[in-house]
C-alpha cells in the first residue's frame, strides 16, 4: 500500500496503483527467465556454443533469451490492446486510458526494470543503462495518464527484435551465412523498415501534433522526456537500420564462419537491440 500510495499520489501516477502487482510479477518473471530458465535451456540445447563460454558471454545469451520471451509476450498483448480499444480513447490520444493499456504497459515496465538492473550489474556500456532507464521512465510516466495511446503502438516495434534475436542465435551456433539466416535477415530488415521506420515515423509525427495541442497542460519535464525521446530514438532507428544492412551484407559476402562468431561491430549492434534498444523505439512515444 505504501508503494502504491507513493507512486499514485506523491508522483502523480494516478493510474498505476492497480497495476503495481503486474509490474512486480513482470519483473520477477523476466528475472526468472534470465537467471534460471535461460541457462537451463541454453546449456541443454547448445552445450558447446553456450556451455564452454565465459560468464559474461553466458549472460549475453540470457539477455537474448529474455528479450525474445518479452517480444513473444508484449507484441501480441500490444496488438490486442490496440484492436480492442474504444473509440473514445482513440479520440483522446493525449490523456485517454484503459485498464488493458495499464496491464500491457505494466508488463513493459517490469521488463525494463529488469533490463536496467542487468545493465547496471553486468555493466558493458553506459548507453545500455541510459536506454533502459529512459524506457522505464517513459512507460512509467504514461500512468499519469499521458500519451498511453502512442506508447502501446510503439511496443509493436519489438516485432523486429524477434528476428534480430534469431539472427544473433544463428551467428552463435555456427549458422552464419546460411539460407535460414538469409531468410531471417529479409524478415529482419522488412520488419525494421516497416514497423520501426515507416509506421514508427508516422506515430512520431502524430505524437508531435498531439503534443502541440496539450503542451500547456503538462509539466515541462514531460515535454522534455517525450519530445526529446522522439528525436533521439528516431535518429537511432535510422542509424541502426544502416548498421544492420551493412552487417547482413558482410555475412553473405564472406564464407560462413566455423565458430559462428560475428565481427565486433556487428556484435555491438546486436547487443544494442537485445538490451531493449532502439527499445528496447520501445521507449519512444
Protein backbone atom coordinates (compact mmCIF):
# COMPACT_ATOMS: atom_id res chain seq x y z
CA UNK A 1 0.00 0.00 0.00
CA UNK A 2 2.90 2.36 0.77
CA UNK A 3 4.45 1.88 -2.68
CA UNK A 4 1.13 2.31 -4.45
CA UNK A 5 0.40 5.50 -2.49
CA UNK A 6 3.84 6.92 -3.27
CA UNK A 7 3.54 6.20 -6.99
CA UNK A 8 -0.10 7.17 -7.32
CA UNK A 9 -0.21 10.28 -5.14
CA UNK A 10 3.28 11.56 -4.48
CA UNK A 11 4.50 11.08 -8.07
CA UNK A 12 1.11 11.80 -9.62
CA UNK A 13 0.84 8.49 -11.49
CA UNK A 14 -2.84 8.22 -10.73
CA UNK A 15 -3.48 5.12 -12.88
CA UNK A 16 -0.62 3.00 -11.59
CA UNK A 17 -1.84 1.60 -8.20
CA UNK A 18 -3.98 -1.26 -9.66
CA UNK A 19 -1.10 -2.27 -11.92
CA UNK A 20 1.74 -2.38 -9.39
CA UNK A 21 1.27 -6.18 -8.99
CA UNK A 22 1.57 -6.61 -12.77
CA UNK A 23 4.83 -4.63 -12.78
CA UNK A 24 6.26 -6.66 -9.89
CA UNK A 25 5.22 -10.00 -11.39
CA UNK A 26 6.62 -8.97 -14.75
CA UNK A 27 9.95 -8.04 -13.21
CA UNK A 28 10.07 -11.29 -11.23
CA UNK A 29 9.13 -13.33 -14.30
CA UNK A 30 11.80 -11.88 -16.58
CA UNK A 31 14.39 -12.18 -13.81
CA UNK A 32 13.48 -15.87 -13.50
CA UNK A 33 13.84 -16.34 -17.26
CA UNK A 34 17.24 -14.64 -17.24
CA UNK A 35 18.73 -16.35 -14.20
CA UNK A 36 17.07 -19.79 -14.25
CA UNK A 37 15.20 -20.68 -17.44
CA UNK A 38 17.68 -19.30 -20.00
CA UNK A 39 20.75 -21.08 -18.54
CA UNK A 40 18.80 -24.34 -18.26
CA UNK A 41 17.61 -24.19 -21.89
CA UNK A 42 20.88 -22.98 -23.39
CA UNK A 43 23.08 -25.49 -21.57
CA UNK A 44 20.95 -28.37 -22.85
CA UNK A 45 20.26 -27.18 -26.38
CA UNK A 46 23.67 -25.61 -27.05
CA UNK A 47 26.20 -27.41 -24.83
CA UNK A 48 29.19 -26.29 -26.92
CA UNK A 49 28.19 -22.84 -28.16
CA UNK A 50 26.91 -21.87 -24.69
CA UNK A 51 28.37 -24.27 -22.15
CA UNK A 52 32.04 -23.60 -22.92
CA UNK A 53 31.81 -19.81 -22.77
CA UNK A 54 32.67 -17.31 -20.04
CA UNK A 55 30.19 -15.96 -17.52
CA UNK A 56 29.91 -12.66 -19.43
CA UNK A 57 29.08 -14.43 -22.70
CA UNK A 58 26.56 -16.70 -20.96
CA UNK A 59 24.91 -13.61 -19.52
CA UNK A 60 24.57 -12.21 -23.04
CA UNK A 61 22.82 -15.44 -24.08
CA UNK A 62 20.47 -14.97 -21.15
CA UNK A 63 19.75 -11.40 -22.22
CA UNK A 64 18.79 -12.54 -25.71
CA UNK A 65 16.55 -15.34 -24.41
CA UNK A 66 14.81 -12.94 -22.02
CA UNK A 67 14.43 -10.36 -24.77
CA UNK A 68 12.85 -12.97 -27.03
CA UNK A 69 10.39 -14.06 -24.34
CA UNK A 70 9.45 -10.43 -23.81
CA UNK A 71 8.86 -9.95 -27.54
CA UNK A 72 6.62 -13.01 -27.78
CA UNK A 73 4.52 -11.65 -24.90
CA UNK A 74 4.44 -7.90 -25.48
CA UNK A 75 3.81 -7.77 -29.25
CA UNK A 76 0.57 -9.84 -29.19
CA UNK A 77 -0.51 -8.06 -25.98
CA UNK A 78 0.00 -4.62 -27.51
CA UNK A 79 -1.74 -5.68 -30.72
CA UNK A 80 -4.72 -6.98 -28.75
CA UNK A 81 -4.85 -3.76 -26.75
CA UNK A 82 -4.95 -1.70 -29.95
CA UNK A 83 -7.64 -3.88 -31.55
CA UNK A 84 -9.92 -3.70 -28.51
CA UNK A 85 -9.55 -0.03 -27.60
CA UNK A 86 -12.73 2.02 -27.51
CA UNK A 87 -13.39 4.90 -29.95
CA UNK A 88 -13.34 7.49 -27.16
CA UNK A 89 -9.76 6.52 -26.25
CA UNK A 90 -8.67 6.97 -29.84
CA UNK A 91 -10.20 10.45 -29.80
CA UNK A 92 -8.19 11.44 -26.73
CA UNK A 93 -4.66 10.49 -27.74
CA UNK A 94 -3.07 12.66 -25.05
CA UNK A 95 -4.88 11.60 -21.88
CA UNK A 96 -7.02 8.59 -22.91
CA UNK A 97 -6.69 5.46 -20.82
CA UNK A 98 -7.91 1.90 -20.42
CA UNK A 99 -7.11 -0.78 -17.87
CA UNK A 100 -5.94 -3.05 -20.68
CA UNK A 101 -3.37 -0.39 -21.54
CA UNK A 102 -2.27 -0.29 -17.91
CA UNK A 103 -1.80 -4.06 -17.87
CA UNK A 104 0.25 -4.11 -21.09
CA UNK A 105 2.40 -1.17 -20.00
CA UNK A 106 2.88 -2.90 -16.65
CA UNK A 107 4.49 -5.86 -18.41
CA UNK A 108 6.77 -3.49 -20.31
CA UNK A 109 7.76 -1.54 -17.18
CA UNK A 110 8.61 -4.76 -15.34
CA UNK A 111 10.78 -5.86 -18.26
CA UNK A 112 12.63 -2.56 -18.45
CA UNK A 113 13.26 -2.57 -14.70
CA UNK A 114 14.94 -5.96 -15.17
CA UNK A 115 16.80 -4.57 -18.17
CA UNK A 116 18.02 -1.56 -16.19
CA UNK A 117 19.27 -3.64 -13.27
CA UNK A 118 21.06 -6.06 -15.60
CA UNK A 119 22.66 -3.15 -17.48
CA UNK A 120 23.97 -1.78 -14.16
CA UNK A 121 25.06 -5.06 -12.55
CA UNK A 122 26.62 -6.53 -15.71
CA UNK A 123 27.87 -3.18 -16.96
CA UNK A 124 29.03 -3.09 -20.59
CA UNK A 125 28.27 0.40 -21.82
CA UNK A 126 26.66 3.50 -20.32
CA UNK A 127 24.36 3.65 -23.34
CA UNK A 128 22.57 0.47 -22.23
CA UNK A 129 21.99 1.94 -18.79
CA UNK A 130 20.67 5.22 -20.17
CA UNK A 131 18.38 3.46 -22.64
CA UNK A 132 16.89 1.11 -20.04
CA UNK A 133 16.38 4.00 -17.62
CA UNK A 134 14.68 6.08 -20.32
CA UNK A 135 12.30 3.24 -21.18
CA UNK A 136 11.38 2.75 -17.51
CA UNK A 137 10.78 6.47 -17.21
CA UNK A 138 8.71 6.88 -20.35
CA UNK A 139 6.42 3.89 -19.85
CA UNK A 140 6.15 4.56 -16.13
CA UNK A 141 5.16 8.19 -16.72
CA UNK A 142 2.37 7.03 -19.04
CA UNK A 143 0.38 6.18 -15.88
CA UNK A 144 -0.27 9.91 -15.29
CA UNK A 145 -2.02 9.14 -17.74
CA UNK A 146 -0.24 10.65 -20.70
CA UNK A 147 0.06 9.54 -24.36
CA UNK A 148 -0.55 5.89 -23.50
CA UNK A 149 -2.25 5.67 -26.89
CA UNK A 150 1.13 6.09 -28.59
CA UNK A 151 3.05 4.02 -26.06
CA UNK A 152 1.09 0.88 -26.81
CA UNK A 153 1.71 1.31 -30.51
CA UNK A 154 5.43 1.78 -30.02
CA UNK A 155 5.56 -1.61 -28.30
CA UNK A 156 4.86 -3.13 -31.71
CA UNK A 157 8.41 -2.13 -32.60
CA UNK A 158 9.57 -5.24 -30.77
CA UNK A 159 8.46 -7.23 -33.81
CA UNK A 160 11.84 -6.59 -35.42
CA UNK A 161 13.66 -7.63 -32.26
CA UNK A 162 12.28 -11.16 -32.68
CA UNK A 163 14.19 -11.58 -35.93
CA UNK A 164 17.29 -9.81 -34.62
CA UNK A 165 17.50 -12.26 -31.71
CA UNK A 166 17.15 -15.18 -34.12
CA UNK A 167 19.91 -13.64 -36.24
CA UNK A 168 22.16 -13.44 -33.18
CA UNK A 169 21.49 -17.06 -32.17
CA UNK A 170 22.27 -18.23 -35.71
CA UNK A 171 25.61 -16.43 -35.53
CA UNK A 172 26.47 -18.05 -32.22
CA UNK A 173 25.54 -21.58 -33.28
CA UNK A 174 27.62 -21.77 -36.45
CA UNK A 175 24.86 -20.83 -38.89
CA UNK A 176 26.30 -17.56 -40.18
CA UNK A 177 25.65 -17.08 -43.90
CA UNK A 178 23.15 -19.93 -44.17
CA UNK A 179 19.93 -19.83 -46.17
CA UNK A 180 17.97 -19.72 -42.92
CA UNK A 181 19.86 -16.64 -41.81
CA UNK A 182 19.29 -15.02 -45.20
CA UNK A 183 15.53 -15.60 -44.95
CA UNK A 184 15.51 -14.37 -41.36
CA UNK A 185 17.56 -11.35 -42.44
CA UNK A 186 14.92 -10.44 -45.02
CA UNK A 187 12.24 -10.56 -42.32
CA UNK A 188 14.51 -8.55 -40.00
CA UNK A 189 15.12 -5.76 -42.50
CA UNK A 190 11.48 -5.74 -43.65
CA UNK A 191 10.06 -5.58 -40.12
CA UNK A 192 12.56 -2.95 -39.02
CA UNK A 193 11.81 -0.79 -42.05
CA UNK A 194 8.06 -1.30 -41.94
CA UNK A 195 7.37 -1.25 -38.20
CA UNK A 196 10.10 0.95 -36.76
CA UNK A 197 10.84 3.44 -39.55
CA UNK A 198 7.65 3.79 -41.61
CA UNK A 199 4.96 3.00 -39.03
CA UNK A 200 7.07 4.37 -36.18
CA UNK A 201 7.75 7.54 -38.12
CA UNK A 202 4.04 8.13 -38.67
CA UNK A 203 3.38 7.56 -34.97
CA UNK A 204 6.11 10.06 -34.10
CA UNK A 205 4.61 12.73 -36.35
CA UNK A 206 1.13 12.17 -34.92
CA UNK A 207 2.58 12.38 -31.43
CA UNK A 208 4.09 15.82 -32.07
CA UNK A 209 0.77 17.10 -33.39
CA UNK A 210 -0.88 15.84 -30.21
CA UNK A 211 1.84 17.35 -28.01
CA UNK A 212 1.44 20.71 -29.72
CA UNK A 213 -2.22 20.77 -28.67
CA UNK A 214 -1.74 19.92 -24.98
CA UNK A 215 1.76 21.10 -24.05
CA UNK A 216 0.36 23.80 -21.77
CA UNK A 217 -1.49 21.17 -19.72
CA UNK A 218 1.50 19.01 -18.77
CA UNK A 219 4.67 19.57 -16.70
CA UNK A 220 7.75 20.75 -18.61
CA UNK A 221 9.55 17.58 -17.54
CA UNK A 222 7.10 15.51 -19.57
CA UNK A 223 7.68 17.66 -22.64
CA UNK A 224 11.45 17.24 -22.34
CA UNK A 225 11.31 13.46 -21.82
CA UNK A 226 8.81 12.62 -24.55
CA UNK A 227 9.76 15.17 -27.19
CA UNK A 228 13.47 14.60 -26.68
CA UNK A 229 12.98 10.84 -26.74
CA UNK A 230 11.19 11.08 -30.06
CA UNK A 231 14.02 12.92 -31.77
CA UNK A 232 16.79 10.78 -30.29
CA UNK A 233 15.20 7.37 -30.82
CA UNK A 234 14.03 8.07 -34.34
CA UNK A 235 17.57 9.11 -35.20
CA UNK A 236 18.90 5.94 -33.60
CA UNK A 237 16.45 3.85 -35.60
CA UNK A 238 17.82 5.23 -38.84
CA UNK A 239 21.41 4.75 -37.67
CA UNK A 240 20.78 1.15 -36.56
CA UNK A 241 18.99 0.36 -39.79
CA UNK A 242 22.06 1.29 -41.83
CA UNK A 243 24.29 -0.72 -39.47
CA UNK A 244 22.03 -3.78 -39.80
CA UNK A 245 22.13 -3.68 -43.58
CA UNK A 246 25.91 -3.36 -43.52
CA UNK A 247 26.22 -6.26 -41.05
CA UNK A 248 23.98 -8.53 -43.11
CA UNK A 249 25.86 -7.75 -46.31
CA UNK A 250 29.16 -8.72 -44.71
CA UNK A 251 27.75 -12.05 -43.57
CA UNK A 252 26.78 -13.07 -47.09
CA UNK A 253 29.79 -11.63 -48.85
CA UNK A 254 32.11 -13.88 -46.80
CA UNK A 255 32.16 -17.66 -46.20
CA UNK A 256 30.27 -18.80 -43.07
CA UNK A 257 32.50 -18.68 -40.01
CA UNK A 258 33.23 -22.06 -38.47
CA UNK A 259 32.69 -20.92 -34.91
CA UNK A 260 29.72 -18.74 -35.77
CA UNK A 261 31.36 -15.65 -34.34
CA UNK A 262 30.45 -12.21 -35.63
CA UNK A 263 32.57 -9.18 -36.17
CA UNK A 264 32.88 -6.87 -33.22
CA UNK A 265 30.87 -4.11 -34.82
CA UNK A 266 28.04 -6.50 -35.68
CA UNK A 267 28.06 -7.88 -32.15
CA UNK A 268 27.71 -4.40 -30.74
CA UNK A 269 24.75 -3.65 -32.98
CA UNK A 270 23.05 -6.89 -31.92
CA UNK A 271 23.65 -6.20 -28.24
CA UNK A 272 22.15 -2.75 -28.53
CA UNK A 273 18.74 -4.03 -29.59
CA UNK A 274 18.84 -7.13 -27.40
CA UNK A 275 19.06 -4.84 -24.39
CA UNK A 276 15.94 -3.03 -25.50
CA UNK A 277 17.39 -0.60 -27.94
CA UNK A 278 16.40 1.10 -30.04
CA UNK A 279 13.69 -0.39 -27.28
CA UNK A 280 14.15 -1.91 -26.44
CA UNK A 281 11.99 2.53 -30.07
CA UNK A 282 10.22 0.85 -27.26
CA UNK A 283 10.88 3.90 -25.23
CA UNK A 284 9.64 6.37 -27.77
CA UNK A 285 6.16 7.81 -27.85
